[in-house]
């Protein structure tokens, strides 16, 4: 069990109470304290998209790269939540853009899978993240958007954004299947058209 002041910081971060975060920090709570799942206060704030609480923690030196038991970090989970505000709050703390989750993916990949258009757009514009990073499944962000996406407008926009950002359209998955072939198999004609246009 963490010390009461550290427990108070964890609770405040999880609920997004920036004032209580400030009080706990002033009382000597540590930004590196962990809960039962090895999550730091900053990771809890990022998971809940509590940007003001996260800013308090970052100002106190919280680490955007601290991993929990699932290998998640505050930076990585922004790709899951799709929070542009949290992404921008974390950037000045120099998060590791190459850090990978338990699937070997960087933050861009789950964002593309989940259809977080605004996040993907901001990430591609404001960082030099690797658009062709390949995860342990053999998938790039482009492949993930097609294989796990629904083919709708959000995933169409994401495919456009990735292509514009220089993603390699014919980079195949581990089985040698390209994003275009996956799009055609799934009946995603709009996405297939976008991919054919850049061949």
N, C-alpha and C. Protein backbone atom coordinates (compact mmCIF):
# COMPACT_ATOMS: atom_id res chain seq x y z
N UNK A 1 0.85 -1.20 0.00
CA UNK A 1 0.00 0.00 0.00
C UNK A 1 0.88 1.25 0.00
N UNK A 2 0.56 2.22 -0.88
CA UNK A 2 1.35 3.45 -0.88
C UNK A 2 1.11 4.26 0.39
N UNK A 3 2.06 5.10 0.70
CA UNK A 3 1.92 6.04 1.82
C UNK A 3 0.65 6.86 1.60
N UNK A 4 -0.06 7.27 2.68
CA UNK A 4 -1.31 8.03 2.52
C UNK A 4 -1.21 9.24 1.59
N UNK A 5 -0.10 9.98 1.66
CA UNK A 5 0.00 11.16 0.79
C UNK A 5 0.14 10.74 -0.68
N UNK A 6 0.83 9.60 -0.92
CA UNK A 6 0.94 9.09 -2.28
C UNK A 6 -0.39 8.51 -2.75
N UNK A 7 -1.10 7.85 -1.85
CA UNK A 7 -2.43 7.33 -2.18
C UNK A 7 -3.37 8.47 -2.54
N UNK A 8 -3.25 9.59 -1.82
CA UNK A 8 -4.08 10.75 -2.11
C UNK A 8 -3.77 11.31 -3.49
N UNK A 9 -2.49 11.30 -3.86
CA UNK A 9 -2.10 11.79 -5.19
C UNK A 9 -2.64 10.88 -6.28
N UNK A 10 -2.53 9.58 -6.09
CA UNK A 10 -3.06 8.63 -7.07
C UNK A 10 -4.56 8.82 -7.26
N UNK A 11 -5.27 8.97 -6.14
CA UNK A 11 -6.73 9.14 -6.21
C UNK A 11 -7.09 10.44 -6.90
N UNK A 12 -6.37 11.50 -6.58
CA UNK A 12 -6.66 12.81 -7.19
C UNK A 12 -6.39 12.78 -8.69
N UNK A 13 -5.31 12.13 -9.09
CA UNK A 13 -4.99 12.03 -10.51
C UNK A 13 -6.04 11.21 -11.25
N UNK A 14 -6.48 10.13 -10.64
CA UNK A 14 -7.46 9.25 -11.27
C UNK A 14 -8.80 9.93 -11.47
N UNK A 15 -9.16 10.83 -10.55
CA UNK A 15 -10.45 11.53 -10.66
C UNK A 15 -10.32 12.87 -11.36
N UNK A 16 -9.08 13.29 -11.62
CA UNK A 16 -8.88 14.55 -12.32
C UNK A 16 -9.02 15.78 -11.46
N UNK A 17 -8.82 15.64 -10.15
CA UNK A 17 -8.93 16.76 -9.23
C UNK A 17 -7.58 17.47 -9.17
N UNK A 18 -7.41 18.48 -10.04
CA UNK A 18 -6.12 19.17 -10.14
C UNK A 18 -5.74 19.86 -8.84
N UNK A 19 -6.74 20.40 -8.14
CA UNK A 19 -6.47 21.06 -6.86
C UNK A 19 -5.92 20.08 -5.84
N UNK A 20 -6.53 18.90 -5.78
CA UNK A 20 -6.07 17.87 -4.84
C UNK A 20 -4.70 17.33 -5.24
N UNK A 21 -4.43 17.28 -6.55
CA UNK A 21 -3.10 16.89 -7.02
C UNK A 21 -2.07 17.88 -6.50
N UNK A 22 -2.39 19.17 -6.61
CA UNK A 22 -1.48 20.23 -6.16
C UNK A 22 -1.21 20.11 -4.66
N UNK A 23 -2.28 19.86 -3.90
CA UNK A 23 -2.15 19.73 -2.44
C UNK A 23 -1.28 18.53 -2.09
N UNK A 24 -1.53 17.40 -2.75
CA UNK A 24 -0.76 16.19 -2.46
C UNK A 24 0.72 16.37 -2.80
N UNK A 25 0.99 17.03 -3.91
CA UNK A 25 2.37 17.30 -4.28
C UNK A 25 3.05 18.21 -3.27
N UNK A 26 2.32 19.23 -2.83
CA UNK A 26 2.87 20.16 -1.84
C UNK A 26 3.15 19.46 -0.51
N UNK A 27 2.38 18.40 -0.23
CA UNK A 27 2.57 17.64 1.01
C UNK A 27 3.72 16.63 0.90
N UNK A 28 4.31 16.55 -0.29
CA UNK A 28 5.47 15.67 -0.45
C UNK A 28 5.20 14.38 -1.19
N UNK A 29 4.01 14.22 -1.77
CA UNK A 29 3.73 13.01 -2.55
C UNK A 29 4.66 12.96 -3.76
N UNK A 30 5.04 11.77 -4.17
CA UNK A 30 5.97 11.61 -5.27
C UNK A 30 5.29 11.32 -6.59
N UNK A 31 5.74 12.00 -7.64
CA UNK A 31 5.13 11.77 -8.97
C UNK A 31 5.41 10.35 -9.48
N UNK A 32 6.44 9.70 -8.90
CA UNK A 32 6.79 8.35 -9.34
C UNK A 32 6.11 7.25 -8.55
N UNK A 33 5.19 7.60 -7.67
CA UNK A 33 4.48 6.58 -6.89
C UNK A 33 3.63 5.72 -7.82
N UNK A 34 3.34 4.50 -7.40
CA UNK A 34 2.61 3.55 -8.25
C UNK A 34 1.42 2.96 -7.51
N UNK A 35 0.38 2.62 -8.29
CA UNK A 35 -0.76 1.91 -7.71
C UNK A 35 -0.53 0.41 -7.84
N UNK A 36 -1.56 -0.38 -7.55
CA UNK A 36 -1.39 -1.84 -7.55
C UNK A 36 -1.11 -2.41 -8.95
N UNK A 37 -1.37 -1.61 -9.98
CA UNK A 37 -1.09 -2.05 -11.36
C UNK A 37 0.16 -1.35 -11.93
N UNK A 38 0.94 -0.77 -11.02
CA UNK A 38 2.20 -0.11 -11.37
C UNK A 38 1.97 1.16 -12.21
N UNK A 39 0.77 1.73 -12.10
CA UNK A 39 0.46 2.96 -12.83
C UNK A 39 0.85 4.18 -12.00
N UNK A 40 1.49 5.15 -12.64
CA UNK A 40 1.85 6.39 -11.97
C UNK A 40 0.63 7.33 -11.97
N UNK A 41 0.68 8.39 -11.15
CA UNK A 41 -0.40 9.38 -11.20
C UNK A 41 -0.60 9.97 -12.59
N UNK A 42 0.50 10.22 -13.32
CA UNK A 42 0.37 10.79 -14.66
C UNK A 42 -0.33 9.82 -15.61
N UNK A 43 -0.03 8.55 -15.49
CA UNK A 43 -0.71 7.56 -16.34
C UNK A 43 -2.19 7.52 -16.02
N UNK A 44 -2.54 7.59 -14.75
CA UNK A 44 -3.96 7.60 -14.37
C UNK A 44 -4.66 8.85 -14.92
N UNK A 45 -3.98 9.98 -14.86
CA UNK A 45 -4.56 11.21 -15.41
C UNK A 45 -4.74 11.10 -16.91
N UNK A 46 -3.74 10.50 -17.59
CA UNK A 46 -3.83 10.34 -19.04
C UNK A 46 -4.95 9.39 -19.43
N UNK A 47 -5.10 8.31 -18.68
CA UNK A 47 -6.17 7.35 -18.97
C UNK A 47 -7.55 8.00 -18.86
N UNK A 48 -7.70 8.92 -17.89
CA UNK A 48 -8.97 9.60 -17.70
C UNK A 48 -9.11 10.88 -18.49
N UNK A 49 -8.08 11.22 -19.27
CA UNK A 49 -8.05 12.47 -20.04
C UNK A 49 -8.23 13.70 -19.14
N UNK A 50 -7.56 13.66 -18.02
CA UNK A 50 -7.64 14.77 -17.05
C UNK A 50 -6.44 15.70 -17.28
N UNK A 51 -6.59 16.59 -18.23
CA UNK A 51 -5.47 17.42 -18.67
C UNK A 51 -4.97 18.38 -17.58
N UNK A 52 -5.84 19.11 -16.85
CA UNK A 52 -5.31 20.00 -15.81
C UNK A 52 -4.51 19.24 -14.73
N UNK A 53 -4.99 18.07 -14.34
CA UNK A 53 -4.25 17.27 -13.36
C UNK A 53 -2.91 16.83 -13.93
N UNK A 54 -2.91 16.44 -15.20
CA UNK A 54 -1.67 16.03 -15.84
C UNK A 54 -0.68 17.18 -15.89
N UNK A 55 -1.16 18.38 -16.16
CA UNK A 55 -0.26 19.54 -16.21
C UNK A 55 0.40 19.79 -14.86
N UNK A 56 -0.36 19.62 -13.78
CA UNK A 56 0.21 19.78 -12.44
C UNK A 56 1.33 18.76 -12.21
N UNK A 57 1.07 17.54 -12.64
CA UNK A 57 2.06 16.47 -12.45
C UNK A 57 3.29 16.69 -13.31
N UNK A 58 3.09 17.13 -14.54
CA UNK A 58 4.21 17.39 -15.43
C UNK A 58 5.07 18.53 -14.91
N UNK A 59 4.42 19.55 -14.38
CA UNK A 59 5.16 20.69 -13.81
C UNK A 59 6.02 20.24 -12.64
N UNK A 60 5.60 19.16 -11.97
CA UNK A 60 6.36 18.62 -10.83
C UNK A 60 7.39 17.58 -11.27
N UNK A 61 7.51 17.38 -12.58
CA UNK A 61 8.54 16.47 -13.08
C UNK A 61 8.09 15.05 -13.38
N UNK A 62 6.79 14.82 -13.51
CA UNK A 62 6.30 13.47 -13.79
C UNK A 62 6.85 12.95 -15.13
N UNK A 63 7.11 11.66 -15.18
CA UNK A 63 7.72 11.01 -16.34
C UNK A 63 6.67 10.53 -17.35
N UNK A 64 6.67 11.08 -18.58
CA UNK A 64 5.68 10.64 -19.57
C UNK A 64 5.97 9.26 -20.14
N UNK A 65 7.13 8.69 -19.76
CA UNK A 65 7.54 7.38 -20.30
C UNK A 65 7.49 6.25 -19.28
N UNK A 66 6.95 6.51 -18.09
CA UNK A 66 6.91 5.48 -17.04
C UNK A 66 5.89 4.39 -17.40
N UNK A 67 6.35 3.14 -17.43
CA UNK A 67 5.50 2.02 -17.84
C UNK A 67 4.73 1.41 -16.65
N UNK A 68 3.54 0.89 -16.96
CA UNK A 68 2.80 0.12 -15.96
C UNK A 68 2.98 -1.37 -16.24
N UNK A 69 2.22 -2.21 -15.57
CA UNK A 69 2.39 -3.66 -15.72
C UNK A 69 1.97 -4.16 -17.10
N UNK A 70 1.20 -3.37 -17.84
CA UNK A 70 0.79 -3.74 -19.20
C UNK A 70 1.69 -3.13 -20.26
N UNK A 71 2.77 -2.48 -19.81
CA UNK A 71 3.73 -1.81 -20.70
C UNK A 71 3.19 -0.52 -21.29
N UNK A 72 2.09 0.00 -20.75
CA UNK A 72 1.57 1.29 -21.19
C UNK A 72 2.32 2.43 -20.52
N UNK A 73 2.36 3.57 -21.20
CA UNK A 73 2.93 4.80 -20.64
C UNK A 73 1.89 5.91 -20.81
N UNK A 74 2.06 7.04 -20.12
CA UNK A 74 1.14 8.16 -20.34
C UNK A 74 1.06 8.55 -21.82
N UNK A 75 2.21 8.56 -22.50
CA UNK A 75 2.21 8.93 -23.92
C UNK A 75 1.47 7.89 -24.75
N UNK A 76 1.75 6.62 -24.55
CA UNK A 76 1.12 5.58 -25.36
C UNK A 76 -0.40 5.60 -25.24
N UNK A 77 -0.92 5.86 -24.05
CA UNK A 77 -2.37 5.77 -23.90
C UNK A 77 -3.09 6.91 -24.61
N UNK A 78 -2.38 7.99 -24.98
CA UNK A 78 -3.05 9.03 -25.75
C UNK A 78 -3.50 8.50 -27.11
N UNK A 79 -2.76 7.51 -27.63
CA UNK A 79 -3.17 6.91 -28.89
C UNK A 79 -4.43 6.08 -28.76
N UNK A 80 -4.69 5.58 -27.55
CA UNK A 80 -5.90 4.80 -27.28
C UNK A 80 -7.08 5.73 -27.01
N UNK A 81 -6.86 6.76 -26.20
CA UNK A 81 -7.95 7.69 -25.88
C UNK A 81 -8.22 8.66 -27.01
N UNK A 82 -7.19 8.94 -27.81
CA UNK A 82 -7.34 9.90 -28.90
C UNK A 82 -7.39 11.34 -28.44
N UNK A 83 -6.85 11.61 -27.27
CA UNK A 83 -6.92 12.96 -26.72
C UNK A 83 -5.81 13.85 -27.28
N UNK A 84 -6.20 14.80 -28.11
CA UNK A 84 -5.25 15.76 -28.66
C UNK A 84 -4.74 16.67 -27.55
N UNK A 85 -5.62 17.05 -26.64
CA UNK A 85 -5.23 17.95 -25.54
C UNK A 85 -4.17 17.30 -24.66
N UNK A 86 -4.35 16.01 -24.34
CA UNK A 86 -3.36 15.32 -23.52
C UNK A 86 -2.06 15.14 -24.28
N UNK A 87 -2.16 14.81 -25.56
CA UNK A 87 -0.97 14.68 -26.38
C UNK A 87 -0.15 15.96 -26.34
N UNK A 88 -0.83 17.10 -26.49
CA UNK A 88 -0.14 18.39 -26.51
C UNK A 88 0.39 18.77 -25.13
N UNK A 89 -0.28 18.32 -24.08
CA UNK A 89 0.21 18.58 -22.72
C UNK A 89 1.51 17.80 -22.47
N UNK A 90 1.59 16.60 -23.03
CA UNK A 90 2.75 15.74 -22.79
C UNK A 90 3.95 16.09 -23.67
N UNK A 91 3.73 16.63 -24.84
CA UNK A 91 4.83 16.87 -25.78
C UNK A 91 5.98 17.69 -25.20
N UNK A 92 5.72 18.78 -24.44
CA UNK A 92 6.85 19.54 -23.89
C UNK A 92 7.71 18.74 -22.91
N UNK A 93 7.19 17.63 -22.40
CA UNK A 93 7.96 16.78 -21.48
C UNK A 93 8.82 15.76 -22.22
N UNK A 94 8.83 15.88 -23.55
CA UNK A 94 9.67 15.02 -24.41
C UNK A 94 9.40 13.53 -24.24
N UNK A 95 8.16 13.12 -24.49
CA UNK A 95 7.87 11.68 -24.44
C UNK A 95 8.63 10.96 -25.55
N UNK A 96 8.91 9.70 -25.32
CA UNK A 96 9.61 8.88 -26.31
C UNK A 96 8.60 8.45 -27.38
N UNK A 97 8.72 9.03 -28.58
CA UNK A 97 7.78 8.72 -29.66
C UNK A 97 7.97 7.30 -30.20
N UNK A 98 9.10 6.68 -29.86
CA UNK A 98 9.39 5.34 -30.35
C UNK A 98 9.01 4.25 -29.35
N UNK A 99 8.54 4.65 -28.17
CA UNK A 99 8.18 3.66 -27.16
C UNK A 99 7.01 2.82 -27.69
N UNK A 100 7.05 1.51 -27.40
CA UNK A 100 6.04 0.61 -27.94
C UNK A 100 5.20 -0.04 -26.84
N UNK A 101 3.96 -0.36 -27.19
CA UNK A 101 3.06 -1.03 -26.26
C UNK A 101 3.30 -2.54 -26.29
N UNK A 102 2.45 -3.28 -25.60
CA UNK A 102 2.66 -4.73 -25.49
C UNK A 102 2.50 -5.45 -26.83
N UNK A 103 1.93 -4.77 -27.82
CA UNK A 103 1.80 -5.35 -29.15
C UNK A 103 2.94 -4.89 -30.07
N UNK A 104 3.88 -4.11 -29.51
CA UNK A 104 4.99 -3.60 -30.32
C UNK A 104 4.62 -2.40 -31.15
N UNK A 105 3.51 -1.75 -30.82
CA UNK A 105 3.05 -0.60 -31.59
C UNK A 105 3.34 0.72 -30.91
N UNK A 106 3.55 1.77 -31.71
CA UNK A 106 3.68 3.13 -31.20
C UNK A 106 2.30 3.75 -31.09
N UNK A 107 2.22 4.95 -30.51
CA UNK A 107 0.90 5.55 -30.22
C UNK A 107 0.05 5.76 -31.46
N UNK A 108 0.68 5.97 -32.61
CA UNK A 108 -0.07 6.20 -33.85
C UNK A 108 -0.95 5.01 -34.22
N UNK A 109 -0.48 3.79 -33.95
CA UNK A 109 -1.18 2.60 -34.46
C UNK A 109 -2.55 2.39 -33.82
N UNK A 110 -2.68 2.38 -32.48
CA UNK A 110 -4.03 2.24 -31.93
C UNK A 110 -4.95 3.41 -32.28
N UNK A 111 -4.37 4.60 -32.45
CA UNK A 111 -5.19 5.75 -32.84
C UNK A 111 -5.80 5.54 -34.22
N UNK A 112 -5.03 4.95 -35.13
CA UNK A 112 -5.53 4.68 -36.48
C UNK A 112 -6.58 3.57 -36.45
N UNK A 113 -6.33 2.56 -35.65
CA UNK A 113 -7.31 1.47 -35.52
C UNK A 113 -8.65 1.99 -35.01
N UNK A 114 -8.60 2.87 -34.01
CA UNK A 114 -9.82 3.33 -33.35
C UNK A 114 -10.51 4.49 -34.06
N UNK A 115 -9.91 5.00 -35.12
CA UNK A 115 -10.56 6.06 -35.89
C UNK A 115 -10.45 7.44 -35.26
N UNK A 116 -9.37 7.69 -34.51
CA UNK A 116 -9.18 9.00 -33.86
C UNK A 116 -8.57 9.99 -34.87
N UNK A 117 -9.41 10.52 -35.74
CA UNK A 117 -8.94 11.37 -36.84
C UNK A 117 -8.19 12.59 -36.35
N UNK A 118 -8.76 13.33 -35.42
CA UNK A 118 -8.12 14.57 -34.96
C UNK A 118 -6.76 14.29 -34.32
N UNK A 119 -6.67 13.22 -33.57
CA UNK A 119 -5.41 12.84 -32.94
C UNK A 119 -4.36 12.49 -33.99
N UNK A 120 -4.76 11.66 -34.94
CA UNK A 120 -3.82 11.26 -35.99
C UNK A 120 -3.34 12.48 -36.76
N UNK A 121 -4.25 13.38 -37.10
CA UNK A 121 -3.87 14.59 -37.82
C UNK A 121 -2.86 15.41 -37.02
N UNK A 122 -3.16 15.63 -35.74
CA UNK A 122 -2.28 16.44 -34.90
C UNK A 122 -0.92 15.75 -34.71
N UNK A 123 -0.94 14.46 -34.49
CA UNK A 123 0.30 13.71 -34.26
C UNK A 123 1.21 13.79 -35.49
N UNK A 124 0.62 13.64 -36.66
CA UNK A 124 1.41 13.67 -37.89
C UNK A 124 1.94 15.07 -38.19
N UNK A 125 1.17 16.09 -37.82
CA UNK A 125 1.60 17.47 -38.08
C UNK A 125 2.63 17.96 -37.07
N UNK A 126 2.49 17.53 -35.82
CA UNK A 126 3.25 18.15 -34.74
C UNK A 126 4.43 17.33 -34.22
N UNK A 127 4.59 16.11 -34.74
CA UNK A 127 5.73 15.27 -34.33
C UNK A 127 6.34 14.63 -35.57
N UNK A 128 7.47 13.98 -35.35
CA UNK A 128 8.11 13.24 -36.45
C UNK A 128 7.95 11.74 -36.23
N UNK A 129 6.80 11.33 -35.74
CA UNK A 129 6.53 9.92 -35.46
C UNK A 129 6.67 9.10 -36.74
N UNK A 130 7.12 7.87 -36.61
CA UNK A 130 7.38 6.98 -37.74
C UNK A 130 6.07 6.42 -38.30
N UNK A 131 5.67 6.89 -39.47
CA UNK A 131 4.40 6.45 -40.04
C UNK A 131 4.44 5.01 -40.53
N UNK A 132 5.64 4.47 -40.75
CA UNK A 132 5.76 3.10 -41.25
C UNK A 132 6.23 2.11 -40.19
N UNK A 133 6.12 2.49 -38.91
CA UNK A 133 6.51 1.56 -37.84
C UNK A 133 5.68 0.28 -37.94
N UNK A 134 6.33 -0.86 -37.78
CA UNK A 134 5.67 -2.17 -37.87
C UNK A 134 5.60 -2.79 -36.47
N UNK A 135 4.39 -3.20 -36.06
CA UNK A 135 4.24 -3.81 -34.74
C UNK A 135 4.50 -5.32 -34.80
N UNK A 136 4.30 -6.00 -33.67
CA UNK A 136 4.61 -7.43 -33.60
C UNK A 136 3.69 -8.28 -34.46
N UNK A 137 2.55 -7.73 -34.82
CA UNK A 137 1.62 -8.45 -35.69
C UNK A 137 2.01 -8.31 -37.16
N UNK A 138 3.02 -7.47 -37.42
CA UNK A 138 3.44 -7.22 -38.79
C UNK A 138 2.65 -6.12 -39.46
N UNK A 139 1.99 -5.28 -38.65
CA UNK A 139 1.11 -4.25 -39.19
C UNK A 139 1.66 -2.85 -38.95
N UNK A 140 1.54 -2.01 -39.97
CA UNK A 140 1.79 -0.58 -39.84
C UNK A 140 0.49 0.10 -39.41
N UNK A 141 0.54 1.41 -39.18
CA UNK A 141 -0.67 2.17 -38.87
C UNK A 141 -1.67 2.07 -40.02
N UNK A 142 -1.17 2.13 -41.25
CA UNK A 142 -2.04 2.04 -42.42
C UNK A 142 -2.73 0.68 -42.48
N UNK A 143 -1.97 -0.38 -42.29
CA UNK A 143 -2.56 -1.72 -42.30
C UNK A 143 -3.58 -1.87 -41.18
N UNK A 144 -3.26 -1.35 -40.01
CA UNK A 144 -4.17 -1.48 -38.87
C UNK A 144 -5.48 -0.73 -39.13
N UNK A 145 -5.39 0.44 -39.75
CA UNK A 145 -6.59 1.22 -40.06
C UNK A 145 -7.52 0.46 -41.00
N UNK A 146 -6.92 -0.32 -41.91
CA UNK A 146 -7.72 -1.09 -42.87
C UNK A 146 -8.20 -2.41 -42.27
N UNK A 147 -7.29 -3.12 -41.61
CA UNK A 147 -7.62 -4.46 -41.10
C UNK A 147 -8.60 -4.40 -39.94
N UNK A 148 -8.41 -3.45 -39.03
CA UNK A 148 -9.26 -3.37 -37.84
C UNK A 148 -10.27 -2.23 -37.88
N UNK A 149 -10.19 -1.39 -38.90
CA UNK A 149 -11.16 -0.30 -39.05
C UNK A 149 -12.47 -0.79 -39.64
N UNK A 150 -13.43 0.13 -39.75
CA UNK A 150 -14.74 -0.26 -40.30
C UNK A 150 -14.96 0.24 -41.72
N UNK A 151 -13.94 0.88 -42.29
CA UNK A 151 -14.06 1.36 -43.66
C UNK A 151 -14.85 2.64 -43.82
N UNK A 152 -15.34 3.18 -42.69
CA UNK A 152 -16.16 4.39 -42.74
C UNK A 152 -15.35 5.66 -42.92
N UNK A 153 -16.05 6.80 -42.79
CA UNK A 153 -15.42 8.08 -43.08
C UNK A 153 -14.18 8.34 -42.23
N UNK A 154 -14.24 8.01 -40.95
CA UNK A 154 -13.08 8.27 -40.09
C UNK A 154 -11.86 7.50 -40.57
N UNK A 155 -12.02 6.25 -40.89
CA UNK A 155 -10.87 5.46 -41.34
C UNK A 155 -10.43 5.87 -42.75
N UNK A 156 -11.37 6.34 -43.57
CA UNK A 156 -10.98 6.87 -44.87
C UNK A 156 -10.09 8.10 -44.69
N UNK A 157 -10.48 9.00 -43.78
CA UNK A 157 -9.69 10.20 -43.51
C UNK A 157 -8.31 9.84 -42.98
N UNK A 158 -8.27 8.85 -42.12
CA UNK A 158 -6.98 8.43 -41.55
C UNK A 158 -6.07 7.87 -42.63
N UNK A 159 -6.61 7.08 -43.53
CA UNK A 159 -5.81 6.56 -44.64
C UNK A 159 -5.26 7.72 -45.48
N UNK A 160 -6.11 8.72 -45.75
CA UNK A 160 -5.66 9.90 -46.50
C UNK A 160 -4.53 10.62 -45.76
N UNK A 161 -4.70 10.80 -44.45
CA UNK A 161 -3.69 11.49 -43.65
C UNK A 161 -2.36 10.73 -43.66
N UNK A 162 -2.43 9.42 -43.53
CA UNK A 162 -1.21 8.61 -43.53
C UNK A 162 -0.49 8.67 -44.87
N UNK A 163 -1.26 8.59 -45.94
CA UNK A 163 -0.66 8.66 -47.28
C UNK A 163 0.01 10.03 -47.48
N UNK A 164 -0.70 11.08 -47.09
CA UNK A 164 -0.15 12.44 -47.23
C UNK A 164 1.12 12.61 -46.40
N UNK A 165 1.17 11.92 -45.26
CA UNK A 165 2.33 12.02 -44.37
C UNK A 165 3.50 11.14 -44.84
N UNK A 166 3.31 10.41 -45.93
CA UNK A 166 4.40 9.63 -46.49
C UNK A 166 4.39 8.15 -46.16
N UNK A 167 3.29 7.64 -45.64
CA UNK A 167 3.21 6.20 -45.37
C UNK A 167 3.40 5.42 -46.66
N UNK A 168 4.09 4.29 -46.57
CA UNK A 168 4.33 3.45 -47.74
C UNK A 168 3.09 2.59 -48.00
N UNK A 169 2.33 2.87 -49.06
CA UNK A 169 1.03 2.20 -49.24
C UNK A 169 1.11 0.72 -49.53
N UNK A 170 2.23 0.28 -50.15
CA UNK A 170 2.31 -1.13 -50.53
C UNK A 170 3.17 -1.96 -49.60
N UNK A 171 3.43 -1.44 -48.39
CA UNK A 171 4.18 -2.22 -47.39
C UNK A 171 3.26 -3.34 -46.89
N UNK A 172 3.59 -4.60 -47.12
CA UNK A 172 2.67 -5.69 -46.76
C UNK A 172 2.75 -6.09 -45.30
N UNK A 173 1.75 -6.85 -44.87
CA UNK A 173 1.79 -7.41 -43.51
C UNK A 173 2.70 -8.63 -43.49
N UNK A 174 2.75 -9.31 -42.35
CA UNK A 174 3.63 -10.46 -42.21
C UNK A 174 3.32 -11.61 -43.15
N UNK A 175 2.11 -11.61 -43.71
CA UNK A 175 1.72 -12.65 -44.66
C UNK A 175 1.88 -12.21 -46.10
N UNK A 176 2.44 -11.01 -46.29
CA UNK A 176 2.65 -10.50 -47.64
C UNK A 176 1.44 -9.83 -48.26
N UNK A 177 0.42 -9.53 -47.45
CA UNK A 177 -0.81 -8.92 -47.96
C UNK A 177 -0.75 -7.40 -47.74
N UNK A 178 -1.01 -6.64 -48.78
CA UNK A 178 -0.94 -5.18 -48.69
C UNK A 178 -2.24 -4.59 -48.14
N UNK A 179 -2.18 -3.32 -47.79
CA UNK A 179 -3.38 -2.62 -47.32
C UNK A 179 -4.45 -2.59 -48.41
N UNK A 180 -4.02 -2.41 -49.66
CA UNK A 180 -4.98 -2.41 -50.77
C UNK A 180 -5.69 -3.75 -50.87
N UNK A 181 -4.95 -4.83 -50.80
CA UNK A 181 -5.58 -6.16 -50.89
C UNK A 181 -6.55 -6.38 -49.72
N UNK A 182 -6.17 -5.94 -48.53
CA UNK A 182 -7.08 -6.06 -47.38
C UNK A 182 -8.34 -5.22 -47.62
N UNK A 183 -8.18 -4.00 -48.13
CA UNK A 183 -9.34 -3.13 -48.38
C UNK A 183 -10.27 -3.75 -49.41
N UNK A 184 -9.71 -4.33 -50.45
CA UNK A 184 -10.54 -4.96 -51.48
C UNK A 184 -11.27 -6.18 -50.92
N UNK A 185 -10.58 -6.98 -50.11
CA UNK A 185 -11.21 -8.17 -49.51
C UNK A 185 -12.37 -7.79 -48.61
N UNK A 186 -12.23 -6.67 -47.91
CA UNK A 186 -13.25 -6.24 -46.96
C UNK A 186 -14.34 -5.39 -47.61
N UNK A 187 -14.18 -5.09 -48.88
CA UNK A 187 -15.19 -4.29 -49.57
C UNK A 187 -15.13 -2.81 -49.26
N UNK A 188 -13.97 -2.34 -48.84
CA UNK A 188 -13.79 -0.91 -48.52
C UNK A 188 -13.36 -0.19 -49.81
N UNK A 189 -14.32 0.08 -50.67
CA UNK A 189 -14.01 0.60 -51.99
C UNK A 189 -13.39 2.00 -51.96
N UNK A 190 -13.87 2.85 -51.03
CA UNK A 190 -13.32 4.20 -50.95
C UNK A 190 -11.84 4.15 -50.55
N UNK A 191 -11.53 3.32 -49.56
CA UNK A 191 -10.14 3.19 -49.12
C UNK A 191 -9.31 2.54 -50.21
N UNK A 192 -9.84 1.55 -50.88
CA UNK A 192 -9.12 0.92 -51.98
C UNK A 192 -8.80 1.94 -53.06
N UNK A 193 -9.73 2.82 -53.34
CA UNK A 193 -9.51 3.86 -54.35
C UNK A 193 -8.39 4.81 -53.95
N UNK A 194 -8.36 5.16 -52.68
CA UNK A 194 -7.28 6.03 -52.19
C UNK A 194 -5.93 5.36 -52.34
N UNK A 195 -5.87 4.08 -52.05
CA UNK A 195 -4.62 3.35 -52.11
C UNK A 195 -4.18 3.10 -53.56
N UNK A 196 -5.12 2.86 -54.44
CA UNK A 196 -4.78 2.68 -55.85
C UNK A 196 -4.20 3.96 -56.43
N UNK A 197 -4.70 5.10 -55.97
CA UNK A 197 -4.29 6.39 -56.53
C UNK A 197 -2.82 6.72 -56.26
N UNK A 198 -2.23 6.06 -55.27
CA UNK A 198 -0.84 6.38 -54.92
C UNK A 198 0.11 5.23 -55.29
N UNK A 199 -0.36 4.27 -56.02
CA UNK A 199 0.50 3.14 -56.42
C UNK A 199 1.48 3.57 -57.50
